Amino acid sequence: MTFDASFYRETLPERVTVECQSRPDAVPVVNLHLANGQVLDLCHIVHLGDAWLTVQYFRDVQACDDMDLAFLPYGLVTLVTVSLHHPTSRRIGFSLGEQSVSEG
């Protein structure tokens, strides 16, 4: 299975919304698990291309102050996880509001 543009455009936001509705006080955290073993803690998705996506991810998940930009081929992502954290353990998480995802 490949997580393609339609997954990030439709399925992921829908699932995050459903999870957040069940616990509106919690902070959503979306992690992309990559084939090379790295895990990216997403802030938001910037761009969805034909073969790749661009994401901003938290450099330091404890502080959530700085972000890096990553350009990824869809096939590099092997697992996507969505979890909800208590606001005292995580002040910022994945943002659907920031997702003015460009395509092309």
C-alpha atoms as a PDB file:
ATOM      1  CA  MET A   1       0.000   0.000   0.000  1.00  0.00           C
ATOM      2  CA  THR A   2       1.209   3.487  -0.823  1.00  0.00           C
ATOM      3  CA  PHE A   3      -0.063   6.538   0.985  1.00  0.00           C
ATOM      4  CA  ASP A   4      -0.866   8.713  -2.033  1.00  0.00           C
ATOM      5  CA  ALA A   5      -2.138  12.278  -2.455  1.00  0.00           C
ATOM      6  CA  SER A   6      -5.776  11.274  -1.977  1.00  0.00           C
ATOM      7  CA  PHE A   7      -4.910   9.674   1.372  1.00  0.00           C
ATOM      8  CA  TYR A   8      -3.335  12.918   2.656  1.00  0.00           C
ATOM      9  CA  ARG A   9      -6.032  15.119   1.094  1.00  0.00           C
ATOM     10  CA  GLU A  10      -9.094  13.117   2.175  1.00  0.00           C
ATOM     11  CA  THR A  11      -8.555  10.151   4.485  1.00  0.00           C
ATOM     12  CA  LEU A  12      -6.045  11.600   6.935  1.00  0.00           C
ATOM     13  CA  PRO A  13      -7.902  14.879   7.623  1.00  0.00           C
ATOM     14  CA  GLU A  14     -11.173  12.963   7.991  1.00  0.00           C
ATOM     15  CA  ARG A  15      -9.686  10.517  10.502  1.00  0.00           C
ATOM     16  CA  VAL A  16      -7.966  13.276  12.492  1.00  0.00           C
ATOM     17  CA  THR A  17     -11.261  15.177  12.644  1.00  0.00           C
ATOM     18  CA  VAL A  18     -13.135  12.096  13.877  1.00  0.00           C
ATOM     19  CA  GLU A  19     -10.500  11.396  16.523  1.00  0.00           C
ATOM     20  CA  CYS A  20     -10.505  15.022  17.697  1.00  0.00           C
ATOM     21  CA  GLN A  21     -14.299  15.064  17.965  1.00  0.00           C
ATOM     22  CA  SER A  22     -14.146  12.142  20.371  1.00  0.00           C
ATOM     23  CA  ARG A  23     -11.683  14.043  22.628  1.00  0.00           C
ATOM     24  CA  PRO A  24     -11.873  17.773  21.858  1.00  0.00           C
ATOM     25  CA  ASP A  25      -9.586  18.608  24.792  1.00  0.00           C
ATOM     26  CA  ALA A  26      -6.700  16.530  23.376  1.00  0.00           C
ATOM     27  CA  VAL A  27      -3.879  17.510  21.017  1.00  0.00           C
ATOM     28  CA  PRO A  28      -3.686  15.477  17.785  1.00  0.00           C
ATOM     29  CA  VAL A  29      -0.284  14.059  16.878  1.00  0.00           C
ATOM     30  CA  VAL A  30       0.359  12.601  13.421  1.00  0.00           C
ATOM     31  CA  ASN A  31       3.586  10.709  12.829  1.00  0.00           C
ATOM     32  CA  LEU A  32       4.953   9.577   9.484  1.00  0.00           C
ATOM     33  CA  HIS A  33       7.086   6.464   9.902  1.00  0.00           C
ATOM     34  CA  LEU A  34       9.614   6.256   7.080  1.00  0.00           C
ATOM     35  CA  ALA A  35      11.249   3.222   5.485  1.00  0.00           C
ATOM     36  CA  ASN A  36      14.662   4.466   6.686  1.00  0.00           C
ATOM     37  CA  GLY A  37      13.524   4.275  10.338  1.00  0.00           C
ATOM     38  CA  GLN A  38      13.006   8.003  10.827  1.00  0.00           C
ATOM     39  CA  VAL A  39       9.736   9.288  12.294  1.00  0.00           C
ATOM     40  CA  LEU A  40       8.440  12.751  11.380  1.00  0.00           C
ATOM     41  CA  ASP A  41       6.091  14.432  13.842  1.00  0.00           C
ATOM     42  CA  LEU A  42       3.913  16.506  11.517  1.00  0.00           C
ATOM     43  CA  CYS A  43       2.847  20.059  12.043  1.00  0.00           C
ATOM     44  CA  HIS A  44       1.065  20.242   8.699  1.00  0.00           C
ATOM     45  CA  ILE A  45       1.144  19.230   5.042  1.00  0.00           C
ATOM     46  CA  VAL A  46       2.378  21.932   2.674  1.00  0.00           C
ATOM     47  CA  HIS A  47       2.140  20.392  -0.808  1.00  0.00           C
ATOM     48  CA  LEU A  48       0.839  17.249  -2.499  1.00  0.00           C
ATOM     49  CA  GLY A  49       2.486  16.453  -5.818  1.00  0.00           C
ATOM     50  CA  ASP A  50       2.058  13.565  -8.214  1.00  0.00           C
ATOM     51  CA  ALA A  51       4.855  11.467  -6.716  1.00  0.00           C
ATOM     52  CA  TRP A  52       5.830  13.309  -3.534  1.00  0.00           C
ATOM     53  CA  LEU A  53       4.596  15.495  -0.684  1.00  0.00           C
ATOM     54  CA  THR A  54       6.062  18.357   1.317  1.00  0.00           C
ATOM     55  CA  VAL A  55       5.491  18.532   5.065  1.00  0.00           C
ATOM     56  CA  GLN A  56       6.528  20.705   7.948  1.00  0.00           C
ATOM     57  CA  TYR A  57       7.495  18.671  10.974  1.00  0.00           C
ATOM     58  CA  PHE A  58       8.550  19.482  14.520  1.00  0.00           C
ATOM     59  CA  ARG A  59      12.308  19.359  15.019  1.00  0.00           C
ATOM     60  CA  ASP A  60      11.937  19.063  18.806  1.00  0.00           C
ATOM     61  CA  VAL A  61       8.616  17.569  19.883  1.00  0.00           C
ATOM     62  CA  GLN A  62       9.097  18.667  23.484  1.00  0.00           C
ATOM     63  CA  ALA A  63       9.335  22.362  22.620  1.00  0.00           C
ATOM     64  CA  CYS A  64       7.322  22.377  19.351  1.00  0.00           C
ATOM     65  CA  ASP A  65       8.998  25.700  18.520  1.00  0.00           C
ATOM     66  CA  ASP A  66      11.056  24.914  15.448  1.00  0.00           C
ATOM     67  CA  MET A  67      10.023  23.108  12.297  1.00  0.00           C
ATOM     68  CA  ASP A  68      11.839  21.684   9.313  1.00  0.00           C
ATOM     69  CA  LEU A  69      10.559  21.199   5.789  1.00  0.00           C
ATOM     70  CA  ALA A  70      10.763  17.732   4.226  1.00  0.00           C
ATOM     71  CA  PHE A  71      10.154  16.646   0.635  1.00  0.00           C
ATOM     72  CA  LEU A  72       9.183  12.960   0.576  1.00  0.00           C
ATOM     73  CA  PRO A  73       8.346  10.458  -2.133  1.00  0.00           C
ATOM     74  CA  TYR A  74       5.040   8.826  -1.198  1.00  0.00           C
ATOM     75  CA  GLY A  75       6.664   5.378  -1.168  1.00  0.00           C
ATOM     76  CA  LEU A  76       9.040   6.344   1.658  1.00  0.00           C
ATOM     77  CA  VAL A  77       6.142   6.489   4.147  1.00  0.00           C
ATOM     78  CA  THR A  78       5.439   3.005   5.515  1.00  0.00           C
ATOM     79  CA  LEU A  79       3.078   3.837   8.389  1.00  0.00           C
ATOM     80  CA  VAL A  80       0.990   6.819   9.495  1.00  0.00           C
ATOM     81  CA  THR A  81      -0.137   7.025  13.115  1.00  0.00           C
ATOM     82  CA  VAL A  82      -2.668   9.361  14.724  1.00  0.00           C
ATOM     83  CA  SER A  83      -2.712   9.727  18.489  1.00  0.00           C
ATOM     84  CA  LEU A  84      -4.232  12.133  20.960  1.00  0.00           C
ATOM     85  CA  HIS A  85      -2.171  13.634  23.766  1.00  0.00           C
ATOM     86  CA  HIS A  86      -3.153  15.527  26.885  1.00  0.00           C
ATOM     87  CA  PRO A  87      -2.373  19.268  26.513  1.00  0.00           C
ATOM     88  CA  THR A  88      -0.051  19.174  29.539  1.00  0.00           C
ATOM     89  CA  SER A  89       2.216  16.684  27.776  1.00  0.00           C
ATOM     90  CA  ARG A  90       1.994  18.241  24.332  1.00  0.00           C
ATOM     91  CA  ARG A  91       1.062  21.855  23.648  1.00  0.00           C
ATOM     92  CA  ILE A  92       0.985  21.789  19.805  1.00  0.00           C
ATOM     93  CA  GLY A  93       0.192  18.965  17.409  1.00  0.00           C
ATOM     94  CA  PHE A  94      -0.915  18.333  13.855  1.00  0.00           C
ATOM     95  CA  SER A  95      -2.872  21.220  12.358  1.00  0.00           C
ATOM     96  CA  LEU A  96      -5.656  20.767   9.852  1.00  0.00           C
ATOM     97  CA  GLY A  97      -6.213  24.527   9.843  1.00  0.00           C
ATOM     98  CA  GLU A  98      -2.760  25.189   8.397  1.00  0.00           C
ATOM     99  CA  GLN A  99      -3.467  22.834   5.532  1.00  0.00           C
ATOM    100  CA  SER A 100      -3.934  25.049   2.552  1.00  0.00           C
ATOM    101  CA  VAL A 101      -2.339  22.204   0.645  1.00  0.00           C
ATOM    102  CA  SER A 102      -1.152  23.130  -2.796  1.00  0.00           C
ATOM    103  CA  GLU A 103      -1.298  20.503  -5.499  1.00  0.00           C
ATOM    104  CA  GLY A 104       0.373  19.915  -8.760  1.00  0.00           C
END
